[in-house]
């Protein structure tokens, strides 16, 4: 699939100023990083958030972290596990 096929032309009509697409991309990047971290924790725990847990270590909320991105500094939510053994591999350190 080509990137031009991801969004219909109507989608872009919502942007009224030059900052609007930048803000959209900034938010998209933030959500993407947070979802990658959640997926990484799911793999670490060996089950997804809403599945039955396999052992005592479980999702234990989120902490916040400031990161630097190509769009500037951003505060993201980082998932954590009960026994604090989750260490994000490459996304956030």
C-alpha atoms as a PDB file:
ATOM      1  CA  UNK A   1       0.000   0.000   0.000  1.00  0.00           C
ATOM      2  CA  UNK A   2       1.283   3.416  -0.893  1.00  0.00           C
ATOM      3  CA  UNK A   3       1.210   6.244   1.652  1.00  0.00           C
ATOM      4  CA  UNK A   4      -1.009   8.314  -0.646  1.00  0.00           C
ATOM      5  CA  UNK A   5      -3.666   5.607  -0.222  1.00  0.00           C
ATOM      6  CA  UNK A   6      -3.700   5.796   3.591  1.00  0.00           C
ATOM      7  CA  UNK A   7      -5.705   9.019   3.797  1.00  0.00           C
ATOM      8  CA  UNK A   8      -8.438  10.178   1.424  1.00  0.00           C
ATOM      9  CA  UNK A   9      -8.221  13.721   0.061  1.00  0.00           C
ATOM     10  CA  UNK A  10     -11.139  14.704   2.315  1.00  0.00           C
ATOM     11  CA  UNK A  11      -8.958  14.018   5.355  1.00  0.00           C
ATOM     12  CA  UNK A  12      -6.594  16.858   4.475  1.00  0.00           C
ATOM     13  CA  UNK A  13      -9.388  19.417   4.227  1.00  0.00           C
ATOM     14  CA  UNK A  14      -9.525  19.534   8.033  1.00  0.00           C
ATOM     15  CA  UNK A  15      -6.178  21.325   8.139  1.00  0.00           C
ATOM     16  CA  UNK A  16      -6.727  25.069   8.033  1.00  0.00           C
ATOM     17  CA  UNK A  17      -3.247  26.405   8.879  1.00  0.00           C
ATOM     18  CA  UNK A  18       0.334  25.285   8.288  1.00  0.00           C
ATOM     19  CA  UNK A  19       0.594  24.279  11.952  1.00  0.00           C
ATOM     20  CA  UNK A  20      -2.331  21.846  11.769  1.00  0.00           C
ATOM     21  CA  UNK A  21      -0.494  19.105   9.819  1.00  0.00           C
ATOM     22  CA  UNK A  22       2.556  19.510  12.073  1.00  0.00           C
ATOM     23  CA  UNK A  23       0.411  19.134  15.200  1.00  0.00           C
ATOM     24  CA  UNK A  24      -1.278  16.081  13.692  1.00  0.00           C
ATOM     25  CA  UNK A  25       2.099  14.466  12.919  1.00  0.00           C
ATOM     26  CA  UNK A  26       3.386  15.304  16.399  1.00  0.00           C
ATOM     27  CA  UNK A  27       0.341  13.641  17.999  1.00  0.00           C
ATOM     28  CA  UNK A  28       0.612  10.682  15.637  1.00  0.00           C
ATOM     29  CA  UNK A  29       4.260  10.171  16.564  1.00  0.00           C
ATOM     30  CA  UNK A  30       3.460  10.364  20.291  1.00  0.00           C
ATOM     31  CA  UNK A  31       0.609   7.822  20.008  1.00  0.00           C
ATOM     32  CA  UNK A  32       2.788   5.562  17.887  1.00  0.00           C
ATOM     33  CA  UNK A  33       5.588   5.538  20.470  1.00  0.00           C
ATOM     34  CA  UNK A  34       3.117   4.850  23.300  1.00  0.00           C
ATOM     35  CA  UNK A  35       1.505   1.973  21.380  1.00  0.00           C
ATOM     36  CA  UNK A  36       4.926   0.502  20.561  1.00  0.00           C
ATOM     37  CA  UNK A  37       5.782   0.563  24.262  1.00  0.00           C
ATOM     38  CA  UNK A  38       2.494  -1.138  25.135  1.00  0.00           C
ATOM     39  CA  UNK A  39       3.209  -3.835  22.553  1.00  0.00           C
ATOM     40  CA  UNK A  40       6.705  -4.278  23.946  1.00  0.00           C
ATOM     41  CA  UNK A  41       5.273  -4.737  27.447  1.00  0.00           C
ATOM     42  CA  UNK A  42       2.709  -7.238  26.117  1.00  0.00           C
ATOM     43  CA  UNK A  43       5.598  -9.257  24.633  1.00  0.00           C
ATOM     44  CA  UNK A  44       7.546  -8.974  27.909  1.00  0.00           C
ATOM     45  CA  UNK A  45       4.567 -10.202  29.940  1.00  0.00           C
ATOM     46  CA  UNK A  46       3.675 -12.782  27.254  1.00  0.00           C
ATOM     47  CA  UNK A  47       0.007 -11.725  27.167  1.00  0.00           C
ATOM     48  CA  UNK A  48      -2.078  -8.775  25.980  1.00  0.00           C
ATOM     49  CA  UNK A  49      -3.714  -6.250  28.290  1.00  0.00           C
ATOM     50  CA  UNK A  50      -7.155  -7.869  28.249  1.00  0.00           C
ATOM     51  CA  UNK A  51      -6.060 -11.535  28.115  1.00  0.00           C
ATOM     52  CA  UNK A  52      -5.816 -13.808  31.128  1.00  0.00           C
ATOM     53  CA  UNK A  53      -2.467 -13.340  32.814  1.00  0.00           C
ATOM     54  CA  UNK A  54       0.047 -16.163  32.789  1.00  0.00           C
ATOM     55  CA  UNK A  55       1.900 -15.309  36.007  1.00  0.00           C
ATOM     56  CA  UNK A  56       1.959 -12.795  38.844  1.00  0.00           C
ATOM     57  CA  UNK A  57       3.716 -10.042  36.878  1.00  0.00           C
ATOM     58  CA  UNK A  58       1.041  -7.786  35.385  1.00  0.00           C
ATOM     59  CA  UNK A  59       0.524  -4.346  33.914  1.00  0.00           C
ATOM     60  CA  UNK A  60       0.782  -1.851  36.754  1.00  0.00           C
ATOM     61  CA  UNK A  61      -0.240   1.484  35.280  1.00  0.00           C
ATOM     62  CA  UNK A  62       1.886   4.086  33.573  1.00  0.00           C
ATOM     63  CA  UNK A  63       4.582   6.570  34.378  1.00  0.00           C
ATOM     64  CA  UNK A  64       5.432   9.652  32.329  1.00  0.00           C
ATOM     65  CA  UNK A  65       8.658  10.463  30.600  1.00  0.00           C
ATOM     66  CA  UNK A  66       9.881  13.421  28.589  1.00  0.00           C
ATOM     67  CA  UNK A  67      11.541  12.546  25.311  1.00  0.00           C
ATOM     68  CA  UNK A  68      13.063  14.586  22.493  1.00  0.00           C
ATOM     69  CA  UNK A  69      11.596  13.970  19.056  1.00  0.00           C
ATOM     70  CA  UNK A  70      11.916  15.576  15.651  1.00  0.00           C
ATOM     71  CA  UNK A  71       8.898  17.691  16.686  1.00  0.00           C
ATOM     72  CA  UNK A  72      10.457  18.858  19.945  1.00  0.00           C
ATOM     73  CA  UNK A  73      10.134  17.710  23.529  1.00  0.00           C
ATOM     74  CA  UNK A  74       7.144  15.498  24.273  1.00  0.00           C
ATOM     75  CA  UNK A  75       5.753  13.855  27.397  1.00  0.00           C
ATOM     76  CA  UNK A  76       4.668  10.247  26.877  1.00  0.00           C
ATOM     77  CA  UNK A  77       3.044   7.545  28.998  1.00  0.00           C
ATOM     78  CA  UNK A  78       5.317   4.550  29.593  1.00  0.00           C
ATOM     79  CA  UNK A  79       3.622   1.332  30.765  1.00  0.00           C
ATOM     80  CA  UNK A  80       5.108  -0.436  33.765  1.00  0.00           C
ATOM     81  CA  UNK A  81       4.817  -3.916  35.187  1.00  0.00           C
ATOM     82  CA  UNK A  82       4.245  -4.991  38.764  1.00  0.00           C
ATOM     83  CA  UNK A  83       7.733  -6.378  39.412  1.00  0.00           C
ATOM     84  CA  UNK A  84       9.549  -3.570  37.529  1.00  0.00           C
ATOM     85  CA  UNK A  85      11.355  -5.957  35.210  1.00  0.00           C
ATOM     86  CA  UNK A  86      10.141  -4.227  32.010  1.00  0.00           C
ATOM     87  CA  UNK A  87      12.881  -2.201  30.343  1.00  0.00           C
ATOM     88  CA  UNK A  88      11.950  -0.775  26.923  1.00  0.00           C
ATOM     89  CA  UNK A  89      14.483  -2.048  24.406  1.00  0.00           C
ATOM     90  CA  UNK A  90      15.099   0.713  21.919  1.00  0.00           C
ATOM     91  CA  UNK A  91      12.207   3.100  21.895  1.00  0.00           C
ATOM     92  CA  UNK A  92      12.719   4.909  25.202  1.00  0.00           C
ATOM     93  CA  UNK A  93      15.592   4.654  27.627  1.00  0.00           C
END
